[in-house]
Amino acid sequence: MILFRHAIAPGGGDPAGYRLGDCATQRNLDSQGRAQARRMGGQLRRKGVRVTAVWTSQWCRTKETAALAFPQQRAVEQPAFNSFFDDRAKADGQTAQARALLQGWRGPGVLVVTTHQVNIAALTGISPSSGEGIVVRAANDGVVVVGRMPPPAGPGP
């Protein structure tokens, strides 16, 4: 399983009054972020990694990252991976739900989750950069980090 932080979306957090169903109210990918998202998927395809499922949070920037990186897959929204940046009281409950989903993944192939820095940090203890992937496997008490994929560099997919 690979937990990706969404691609570059300038700024931090979301504007006051944002709504999940309205991308115009959220912090979104810019052109650099869209190019980075394409490269995220490209780096896996070049390595022969077979992505068979893609989960995202309900934020536009994670859904767009998934769509650009893995256009061959239909991404499934998983609210457990929604950002709790603005409401830390949700952290423990959401992290437990996300952990349970990851522990239940049985494949085949590789599951990719596009989510947020706070979610990945809560699950792994790592604060990833935009576009960075944290490779994990299920364990009895959660997930174990087995590797990292730095954000892809350079132009092109």
N, C-alpha and C. Protein backbone atom coordinates (compact mmCIF):
# COMPACT_ATOMS: atom_id res chain seq x y z
N MET A 1 0.85 -1.17 0.00
CA MET A 1 0.00 0.00 0.00
C MET A 1 0.90 1.23 0.00
N ILE A 2 0.45 2.26 -0.71
CA ILE A 2 1.20 3.51 -0.75
C ILE A 2 0.27 4.64 -0.35
N LEU A 3 0.67 5.38 0.67
CA LEU A 3 -0.07 6.56 1.12
C LEU A 3 0.61 7.77 0.50
N PHE A 4 -0.06 8.42 -0.45
CA PHE A 4 0.50 9.61 -1.09
C PHE A 4 -0.14 10.85 -0.50
N ARG A 5 0.71 11.83 -0.18
CA ARG A 5 0.17 13.16 0.08
C ARG A 5 -0.17 13.75 -1.28
N HIS A 6 -1.30 14.43 -1.35
CA HIS A 6 -1.71 15.04 -2.61
C HIS A 6 -0.58 15.87 -3.21
N ALA A 7 -0.66 16.09 -4.50
CA ALA A 7 0.34 16.89 -5.22
C ALA A 7 0.27 18.35 -4.77
N ILE A 8 1.17 19.15 -5.29
CA ILE A 8 1.34 20.55 -4.88
C ILE A 8 0.04 21.34 -5.02
N ALA A 9 -0.39 21.89 -3.90
CA ALA A 9 -1.54 22.79 -3.82
C ALA A 9 -1.09 23.96 -2.96
N PRO A 10 -0.75 25.08 -3.57
CA PRO A 10 -0.16 26.20 -2.83
C PRO A 10 -0.98 26.63 -1.62
N GLY A 11 -0.27 27.01 -0.57
CA GLY A 11 -0.90 27.49 0.64
C GLY A 11 -0.89 26.43 1.72
N GLY A 12 -1.63 26.67 2.77
CA GLY A 12 -1.75 25.73 3.88
C GLY A 12 -3.17 25.76 4.39
N GLY A 13 -3.73 24.59 4.62
CA GLY A 13 -5.12 24.53 5.05
C GLY A 13 -6.05 24.97 3.93
N ASP A 14 -7.30 25.18 4.27
CA ASP A 14 -8.29 25.63 3.30
C ASP A 14 -8.83 26.98 3.72
N PRO A 15 -9.37 27.73 2.76
CA PRO A 15 -9.97 29.02 3.10
C PRO A 15 -11.15 28.85 4.06
N ALA A 16 -11.41 29.86 4.85
CA ALA A 16 -12.57 29.82 5.76
C ALA A 16 -13.83 29.61 4.93
N GLY A 17 -14.70 28.76 5.43
CA GLY A 17 -15.97 28.53 4.76
C GLY A 17 -15.92 27.56 3.60
N TYR A 18 -14.83 26.83 3.45
CA TYR A 18 -14.75 25.87 2.34
C TYR A 18 -15.83 24.80 2.49
N ARG A 19 -16.19 24.20 1.36
CA ARG A 19 -17.18 23.12 1.34
C ARG A 19 -16.61 21.97 0.52
N LEU A 20 -16.75 20.74 1.02
CA LEU A 20 -16.19 19.59 0.33
C LEU A 20 -16.75 19.42 -1.08
N GLY A 21 -18.00 19.68 -1.30
CA GLY A 21 -18.60 19.48 -2.61
C GLY A 21 -18.34 20.61 -3.60
N ASP A 22 -17.58 21.61 -3.20
CA ASP A 22 -17.38 22.79 -4.04
C ASP A 22 -15.89 23.10 -4.15
N CYS A 23 -15.28 22.66 -5.24
CA CYS A 23 -13.83 22.84 -5.41
C CYS A 23 -13.43 24.31 -5.43
N ALA A 24 -14.32 25.19 -5.84
CA ALA A 24 -14.00 26.62 -5.90
C ALA A 24 -13.74 27.21 -4.52
N THR A 25 -14.17 26.50 -3.45
CA THR A 25 -13.99 27.02 -2.09
C THR A 25 -12.77 26.43 -1.40
N GLN A 26 -12.05 25.52 -2.06
CA GLN A 26 -10.94 24.79 -1.45
C GLN A 26 -9.59 25.23 -2.01
N ARG A 27 -8.55 24.82 -1.32
CA ARG A 27 -7.18 24.95 -1.84
C ARG A 27 -7.01 23.82 -2.85
N ASN A 28 -6.56 24.13 -4.05
CA ASN A 28 -6.50 23.15 -5.13
C ASN A 28 -5.11 23.06 -5.73
N LEU A 29 -4.92 22.03 -6.55
CA LEU A 29 -3.67 21.88 -7.29
C LEU A 29 -3.52 23.05 -8.25
N ASP A 30 -2.27 23.48 -8.43
CA ASP A 30 -1.98 24.45 -9.48
C ASP A 30 -1.37 23.68 -10.66
N SER A 31 -0.90 24.36 -11.68
CA SER A 31 -0.35 23.67 -12.85
C SER A 31 0.86 22.82 -12.47
N GLN A 32 1.66 23.30 -11.55
CA GLN A 32 2.81 22.53 -11.08
C GLN A 32 2.34 21.26 -10.35
N GLY A 33 1.28 21.38 -9.57
CA GLY A 33 0.72 20.23 -8.86
C GLY A 33 0.12 19.21 -9.82
N ARG A 34 -0.58 19.70 -10.86
CA ARG A 34 -1.14 18.76 -11.84
C ARG A 34 -0.03 18.01 -12.58
N ALA A 35 1.04 18.69 -12.93
CA ALA A 35 2.16 18.01 -13.58
C ALA A 35 2.81 17.01 -12.61
N GLN A 36 2.94 17.39 -11.34
CA GLN A 36 3.51 16.48 -10.35
C GLN A 36 2.64 15.24 -10.20
N ALA A 37 1.33 15.41 -10.17
CA ALA A 37 0.42 14.27 -10.03
C ALA A 37 0.62 13.28 -11.18
N ARG A 38 0.75 13.78 -12.40
CA ARG A 38 0.97 12.89 -13.54
C ARG A 38 2.28 12.12 -13.37
N ARG A 39 3.30 12.81 -12.87
CA ARG A 39 4.60 12.14 -12.66
C ARG A 39 4.53 11.09 -11.55
N MET A 40 3.68 11.32 -10.55
CA MET A 40 3.52 10.35 -9.45
C MET A 40 3.09 9.00 -10.02
N GLY A 41 2.08 9.02 -10.86
CA GLY A 41 1.62 7.77 -11.47
C GLY A 41 2.64 7.22 -12.44
N GLY A 42 3.27 8.11 -13.20
CA GLY A 42 4.28 7.68 -14.18
C GLY A 42 5.43 6.94 -13.55
N GLN A 43 5.88 7.39 -12.38
CA GLN A 43 7.01 6.72 -11.74
C GLN A 43 6.65 5.29 -11.34
N LEU A 44 5.42 5.06 -10.93
CA LEU A 44 5.00 3.70 -10.58
C LEU A 44 4.88 2.83 -11.83
N ARG A 45 4.29 3.38 -12.89
CA ARG A 45 4.15 2.60 -14.13
C ARG A 45 5.51 2.21 -14.68
N ARG A 46 6.47 3.13 -14.65
CA ARG A 46 7.84 2.83 -15.16
C ARG A 46 8.49 1.72 -14.34
N LYS A 47 8.16 1.61 -13.07
CA LYS A 47 8.74 0.56 -12.22
C LYS A 47 7.95 -0.74 -12.30
N GLY A 48 6.88 -0.76 -13.08
CA GLY A 48 6.08 -1.96 -13.22
C GLY A 48 5.17 -2.25 -12.04
N VAL A 49 4.88 -1.24 -11.23
CA VAL A 49 4.01 -1.42 -10.07
C VAL A 49 2.56 -1.49 -10.57
N ARG A 50 1.86 -2.52 -10.20
CA ARG A 50 0.47 -2.74 -10.64
C ARG A 50 -0.49 -2.19 -9.57
N VAL A 51 -0.98 -0.99 -9.83
CA VAL A 51 -1.94 -0.36 -8.93
C VAL A 51 -3.32 -0.90 -9.31
N THR A 52 -3.98 -1.54 -8.36
CA THR A 52 -5.28 -2.14 -8.64
C THR A 52 -6.44 -1.43 -7.94
N ALA A 53 -6.15 -0.56 -7.01
CA ALA A 53 -7.20 0.19 -6.32
C ALA A 53 -6.65 1.54 -5.88
N VAL A 54 -7.52 2.55 -5.95
CA VAL A 54 -7.16 3.90 -5.53
C VAL A 54 -8.27 4.43 -4.63
N TRP A 55 -7.88 4.87 -3.44
CA TRP A 55 -8.79 5.51 -2.50
C TRP A 55 -8.33 6.96 -2.33
N THR A 56 -9.29 7.85 -2.10
CA THR A 56 -8.97 9.25 -1.87
C THR A 56 -9.79 9.79 -0.70
N SER A 57 -9.35 10.94 -0.20
CA SER A 57 -10.22 11.69 0.69
C SER A 57 -11.27 12.36 -0.19
N GLN A 58 -12.16 13.11 0.41
CA GLN A 58 -13.22 13.78 -0.35
C GLN A 58 -12.83 15.19 -0.78
N TRP A 59 -11.59 15.60 -0.51
CA TRP A 59 -11.11 16.92 -0.92
C TRP A 59 -10.77 16.90 -2.41
N CYS A 60 -11.03 18.00 -3.07
CA CYS A 60 -10.78 18.09 -4.52
C CYS A 60 -9.32 17.85 -4.88
N ARG A 61 -8.38 18.33 -4.07
CA ARG A 61 -6.97 18.18 -4.42
C ARG A 61 -6.51 16.72 -4.36
N THR A 62 -7.10 15.91 -3.48
CA THR A 62 -6.72 14.50 -3.44
C THR A 62 -7.38 13.74 -4.58
N LYS A 63 -8.62 14.09 -4.90
CA LYS A 63 -9.31 13.42 -6.00
C LYS A 63 -8.66 13.76 -7.34
N GLU A 64 -8.26 15.02 -7.52
CA GLU A 64 -7.59 15.41 -8.77
C GLU A 64 -6.22 14.75 -8.87
N THR A 65 -5.49 14.67 -7.76
CA THR A 65 -4.20 13.98 -7.77
C THR A 65 -4.38 12.55 -8.25
N ALA A 66 -5.37 11.85 -7.68
CA ALA A 66 -5.61 10.45 -8.05
C ALA A 66 -6.01 10.32 -9.52
N ALA A 67 -6.89 11.20 -9.98
CA ALA A 67 -7.36 11.12 -11.37
C ALA A 67 -6.23 11.34 -12.36
N LEU A 68 -5.33 12.26 -12.06
CA LEU A 68 -4.21 12.54 -12.97
C LEU A 68 -3.12 11.48 -12.88
N ALA A 69 -2.87 10.99 -11.68
CA ALA A 69 -1.80 10.00 -11.49
C ALA A 69 -2.21 8.62 -11.97
N PHE A 70 -3.46 8.26 -11.77
CA PHE A 70 -3.93 6.90 -12.05
C PHE A 70 -5.23 6.94 -12.86
N PRO A 71 -5.16 7.48 -14.08
CA PRO A 71 -6.39 7.66 -14.87
C PRO A 71 -7.07 6.34 -15.24
N GLN A 72 -6.34 5.26 -15.18
CA GLN A 72 -6.90 3.95 -15.53
C GLN A 72 -7.73 3.36 -14.39
N GLN A 73 -7.68 3.95 -13.22
CA GLN A 73 -8.40 3.44 -12.05
C GLN A 73 -9.55 4.37 -11.68
N ARG A 74 -10.63 3.80 -11.21
CA ARG A 74 -11.72 4.60 -10.65
C ARG A 74 -11.44 4.76 -9.17
N ALA A 75 -11.20 5.99 -8.76
CA ALA A 75 -10.89 6.25 -7.36
C ALA A 75 -12.17 6.17 -6.53
N VAL A 76 -12.03 5.65 -5.32
CA VAL A 76 -13.14 5.52 -4.38
C VAL A 76 -12.89 6.49 -3.22
N GLU A 77 -13.86 7.34 -2.96
CA GLU A 77 -13.73 8.26 -1.82
C GLU A 77 -13.88 7.49 -0.52
N GLN A 78 -12.96 7.74 0.39
CA GLN A 78 -12.99 7.13 1.72
C GLN A 78 -12.90 8.27 2.74
N PRO A 79 -14.02 8.66 3.37
CA PRO A 79 -14.02 9.77 4.33
C PRO A 79 -13.03 9.60 5.48
N ALA A 80 -12.63 8.38 5.79
CA ALA A 80 -11.65 8.18 6.86
C ALA A 80 -10.32 8.86 6.55
N PHE A 81 -10.07 9.15 5.26
CA PHE A 81 -8.83 9.80 4.86
C PHE A 81 -9.01 11.30 4.63
N ASN A 82 -10.16 11.86 5.03
CA ASN A 82 -10.38 13.30 4.94
C ASN A 82 -9.44 14.02 5.91
N SER A 83 -9.06 15.21 5.53
CA SER A 83 -8.19 16.02 6.39
C SER A 83 -8.91 16.40 7.68
N PHE A 84 -8.16 16.34 8.78
CA PHE A 84 -8.68 16.85 10.05
C PHE A 84 -7.82 18.03 10.52
N PHE A 85 -7.15 18.67 9.57
CA PHE A 85 -6.28 19.81 9.86
C PHE A 85 -7.02 20.89 10.64
N ASP A 86 -8.28 21.17 10.26
CA ASP A 86 -9.05 22.23 10.91
C ASP A 86 -9.83 21.76 12.13
N ASP A 87 -9.85 20.45 12.38
CA ASP A 87 -10.62 19.92 13.51
C ASP A 87 -9.87 18.71 14.09
N ARG A 88 -8.87 19.00 14.91
CA ARG A 88 -8.02 17.95 15.46
C ARG A 88 -8.78 16.99 16.38
N ALA A 89 -9.98 17.35 16.82
CA ALA A 89 -10.77 16.45 17.65
C ALA A 89 -11.19 15.20 16.87
N LYS A 90 -11.17 15.28 15.54
CA LYS A 90 -11.53 14.14 14.69
C LYS A 90 -10.35 13.18 14.47
N ALA A 91 -9.16 13.58 14.86
CA ALA A 91 -7.95 12.83 14.51
C ALA A 91 -7.97 11.37 14.97
N ASP A 92 -8.25 11.13 16.23
CA ASP A 92 -8.18 9.76 16.74
C ASP A 92 -9.20 8.85 16.07
N GLY A 93 -10.43 9.30 15.96
CA GLY A 93 -11.48 8.48 15.36
C GLY A 93 -11.22 8.20 13.89
N GLN A 94 -10.87 9.23 13.14
CA GLN A 94 -10.59 9.04 11.72
C GLN A 94 -9.37 8.16 11.50
N THR A 95 -8.34 8.36 12.30
CA THR A 95 -7.13 7.55 12.16
C THR A 95 -7.44 6.09 12.45
N ALA A 96 -8.26 5.82 13.44
CA ALA A 96 -8.66 4.43 13.73
C ALA A 96 -9.43 3.84 12.56
N GLN A 97 -10.32 4.61 11.96
CA GLN A 97 -11.08 4.14 10.80
C GLN A 97 -10.15 3.87 9.62
N ALA A 98 -9.22 4.79 9.37
CA ALA A 98 -8.27 4.63 8.26
C ALA A 98 -7.40 3.40 8.49
N ARG A 99 -6.93 3.24 9.71
CA ARG A 99 -6.09 2.08 10.05
C ARG A 99 -6.85 0.77 9.79
N ALA A 100 -8.12 0.73 10.19
CA ALA A 100 -8.94 -0.48 9.97
C ALA A 100 -9.12 -0.76 8.48
N LEU A 101 -9.35 0.28 7.69
CA LEU A 101 -9.47 0.08 6.24
C LEU A 101 -8.18 -0.48 5.66
N LEU A 102 -7.05 0.08 6.06
CA LEU A 102 -5.76 -0.39 5.54
C LEU A 102 -5.49 -1.83 5.99
N GLN A 103 -5.80 -2.14 7.22
CA GLN A 103 -5.59 -3.50 7.71
C GLN A 103 -6.46 -4.51 6.98
N GLY A 104 -7.60 -4.06 6.46
CA GLY A 104 -8.50 -4.95 5.75
C GLY A 104 -8.17 -5.16 4.28
N TRP A 105 -7.24 -4.38 3.75
CA TRP A 105 -6.88 -4.49 2.33
C TRP A 105 -6.19 -5.82 2.07
N ARG A 106 -6.67 -6.55 1.08
CA ARG A 106 -6.11 -7.85 0.75
C ARG A 106 -5.64 -7.96 -0.69
N GLY A 107 -5.72 -6.90 -1.48
CA GLY A 107 -5.24 -6.97 -2.85
C GLY A 107 -6.22 -7.67 -3.76
N PRO A 108 -5.77 -8.13 -4.88
CA PRO A 108 -4.38 -8.23 -5.34
C PRO A 108 -3.84 -6.88 -5.78
N GLY A 109 -2.56 -6.85 -6.04
CA GLY A 109 -1.92 -5.62 -6.50
C GLY A 109 -1.69 -4.64 -5.38
N VAL A 110 -1.53 -3.39 -5.78
CA VAL A 110 -1.16 -2.32 -4.86
C VAL A 110 -2.33 -1.37 -4.68
N LEU A 111 -2.60 -1.03 -3.44
CA LEU A 111 -3.57 0.00 -3.10
C LEU A 111 -2.83 1.32 -2.96
N VAL A 112 -3.34 2.36 -3.61
CA VAL A 112 -2.83 3.72 -3.46
C VAL A 112 -3.90 4.54 -2.77
N VAL A 113 -3.48 5.32 -1.77
CA VAL A 113 -4.39 6.25 -1.08
C VAL A 113 -3.82 7.65 -1.26
N THR A 114 -4.63 8.56 -1.82
CA THR A 114 -4.21 9.96 -1.88
C THR A 114 -4.96 10.69 -0.77
N THR A 115 -4.17 11.29 0.12
CA THR A 115 -4.73 11.89 1.33
C THR A 115 -3.92 13.12 1.70
N HIS A 116 -3.85 13.42 2.97
CA HIS A 116 -3.28 14.68 3.46
C HIS A 116 -2.13 14.42 4.42
N GLN A 117 -1.31 15.43 4.60
CA GLN A 117 -0.14 15.34 5.49
C GLN A 117 -0.54 14.91 6.89
N VAL A 118 -1.60 15.51 7.45
CA VAL A 118 -1.97 15.20 8.83
C VAL A 118 -2.39 13.74 8.98
N ASN A 119 -3.07 13.21 7.97
CA ASN A 119 -3.52 11.82 8.03
C ASN A 119 -2.34 10.85 7.97
N ILE A 120 -1.43 11.11 7.05
CA ILE A 120 -0.26 10.23 6.92
C ILE A 120 0.60 10.30 8.17
N ALA A 121 0.78 11.50 8.70
CA ALA A 121 1.57 11.65 9.92
C ALA A 121 0.94 10.89 11.08
N ALA A 122 -0.38 10.93 11.20
CA ALA A 122 -1.06 10.22 12.29
C ALA A 122 -0.92 8.71 12.14
N LEU A 123 -0.91 8.23 10.91
CA LEU A 123 -0.80 6.78 10.67
C LEU A 123 0.63 6.26 10.76
N THR A 124 1.60 7.10 10.39
CA THR A 124 2.98 6.60 10.23
C THR A 124 4.03 7.33 11.05
N GLY A 125 3.71 8.53 11.55
CA GLY A 125 4.72 9.34 12.23
C GLY A 125 5.59 10.13 11.27
N ILE A 126 5.31 10.06 9.96
CA ILE A 126 6.08 10.76 8.94
C ILE A 126 5.23 11.89 8.37
N SER A 127 5.82 13.08 8.25
CA SER A 127 5.14 14.21 7.62
C SER A 127 5.67 14.35 6.20
N PRO A 128 4.96 13.83 5.22
CA PRO A 128 5.46 13.81 3.85
C PRO A 128 5.34 15.15 3.14
N SER A 129 6.18 15.34 2.15
CA SER A 129 6.08 16.49 1.27
C SER A 129 4.95 16.27 0.28
N SER A 130 4.51 17.31 -0.39
CA SER A 130 3.51 17.16 -1.44
C SER A 130 4.03 16.19 -2.49
N GLY A 131 3.20 15.22 -2.85
CA GLY A 131 3.58 14.24 -3.86
C GLY A 131 4.43 13.09 -3.37
N GLU A 132 4.78 13.08 -2.09
CA GLU A 132 5.59 11.99 -1.55
C GLU A 132 4.72 10.81 -1.17
N GLY A 133 5.24 9.60 -1.38
CA GLY A 133 4.52 8.38 -1.03
C GLY A 133 5.19 7.65 0.12
N ILE A 134 4.41 7.16 1.03
CA ILE A 134 4.91 6.36 2.14
C ILE A 134 4.37 4.93 1.91
N VAL A 135 5.29 3.99 1.73
CA VAL A 135 4.92 2.61 1.45
C VAL A 135 4.73 1.90 2.80
N VAL A 136 3.58 1.27 2.96
CA VAL A 136 3.25 0.60 4.23
C VAL A 136 2.71 -0.80 3.96
N ARG A 137 2.74 -1.58 5.01
CA ARG A 137 2.06 -2.88 4.99
C ARG A 137 1.26 -2.98 6.27
N ALA A 138 0.21 -3.80 6.23
CA ALA A 138 -0.63 -3.98 7.41
C ALA A 138 0.13 -4.73 8.49
N ALA A 139 -0.17 -4.37 9.72
CA ALA A 139 0.40 -5.05 10.89
C ALA A 139 -0.73 -5.20 11.91
N ASN A 140 -0.49 -6.01 12.92
CA ASN A 140 -1.54 -6.26 13.93
C ASN A 140 -2.06 -5.00 14.57
N ASP A 141 -1.19 -4.04 14.82
CA ASP A 141 -1.61 -2.83 15.52
C ASP A 141 -1.69 -1.61 14.61
N GLY A 142 -1.76 -1.81 13.30
CA GLY A 142 -1.86 -0.68 12.38
C GLY A 142 -1.14 -0.95 11.09
N VAL A 143 -0.25 -0.04 10.76
CA VAL A 143 0.57 -0.19 9.57
C VAL A 143 2.03 0.01 9.92
N VAL A 144 2.89 -0.63 9.14
CA VAL A 144 4.33 -0.51 9.32
C VAL A 144 4.91 0.13 8.06
N VAL A 145 5.75 1.12 8.23
CA VAL A 145 6.40 1.77 7.09
C VAL A 145 7.50 0.86 6.57
N VAL A 146 7.46 0.60 5.26
CA VAL A 146 8.49 -0.24 4.64
C VAL A 146 9.31 0.52 3.61
N GLY A 147 8.94 1.76 3.32
CA GLY A 147 9.72 2.55 2.37
C GLY A 147 9.09 3.91 2.14
N ARG A 148 9.84 4.71 1.38
CA ARG A 148 9.38 6.04 1.02
C ARG A 148 9.64 6.28 -0.45
N MET A 149 8.75 6.99 -1.08
CA MET A 149 8.92 7.40 -2.48
C MET A 149 8.98 8.92 -2.50
N PRO A 150 10.16 9.47 -2.76
CA PRO A 150 10.23 10.94 -2.79
C PRO A 150 9.35 11.50 -3.88
N PRO A 151 8.95 12.75 -3.73
CA PRO A 151 8.14 13.37 -4.79
C PRO A 151 8.89 13.29 -6.12
N PRO A 152 8.18 12.95 -7.20
CA PRO A 152 8.87 12.85 -8.49
C PRO A 152 9.35 14.21 -8.95
N ALA A 153 10.52 14.24 -9.54
CA ALA A 153 11.11 15.48 -10.02
C ALA A 153 11.06 15.51 -11.55
N GLY A 154 11.17 16.69 -12.10
CA GLY A 154 11.34 16.84 -13.53
C GLY A 154 10.05 16.99 -14.30
N PRO A 155 10.18 17.38 -15.54
CA PRO A 155 9.01 17.56 -16.40
C PRO A 155 8.52 16.23 -16.95
N GLY A 156 7.30 16.24 -17.40
CA GLY A 156 6.76 15.05 -18.06
C GLY A 156 6.17 14.06 -17.08
N PRO A 157 5.38 13.11 -17.61
CA PRO A 157 4.72 12.13 -16.76
C PRO A 157 5.62 11.05 -16.26
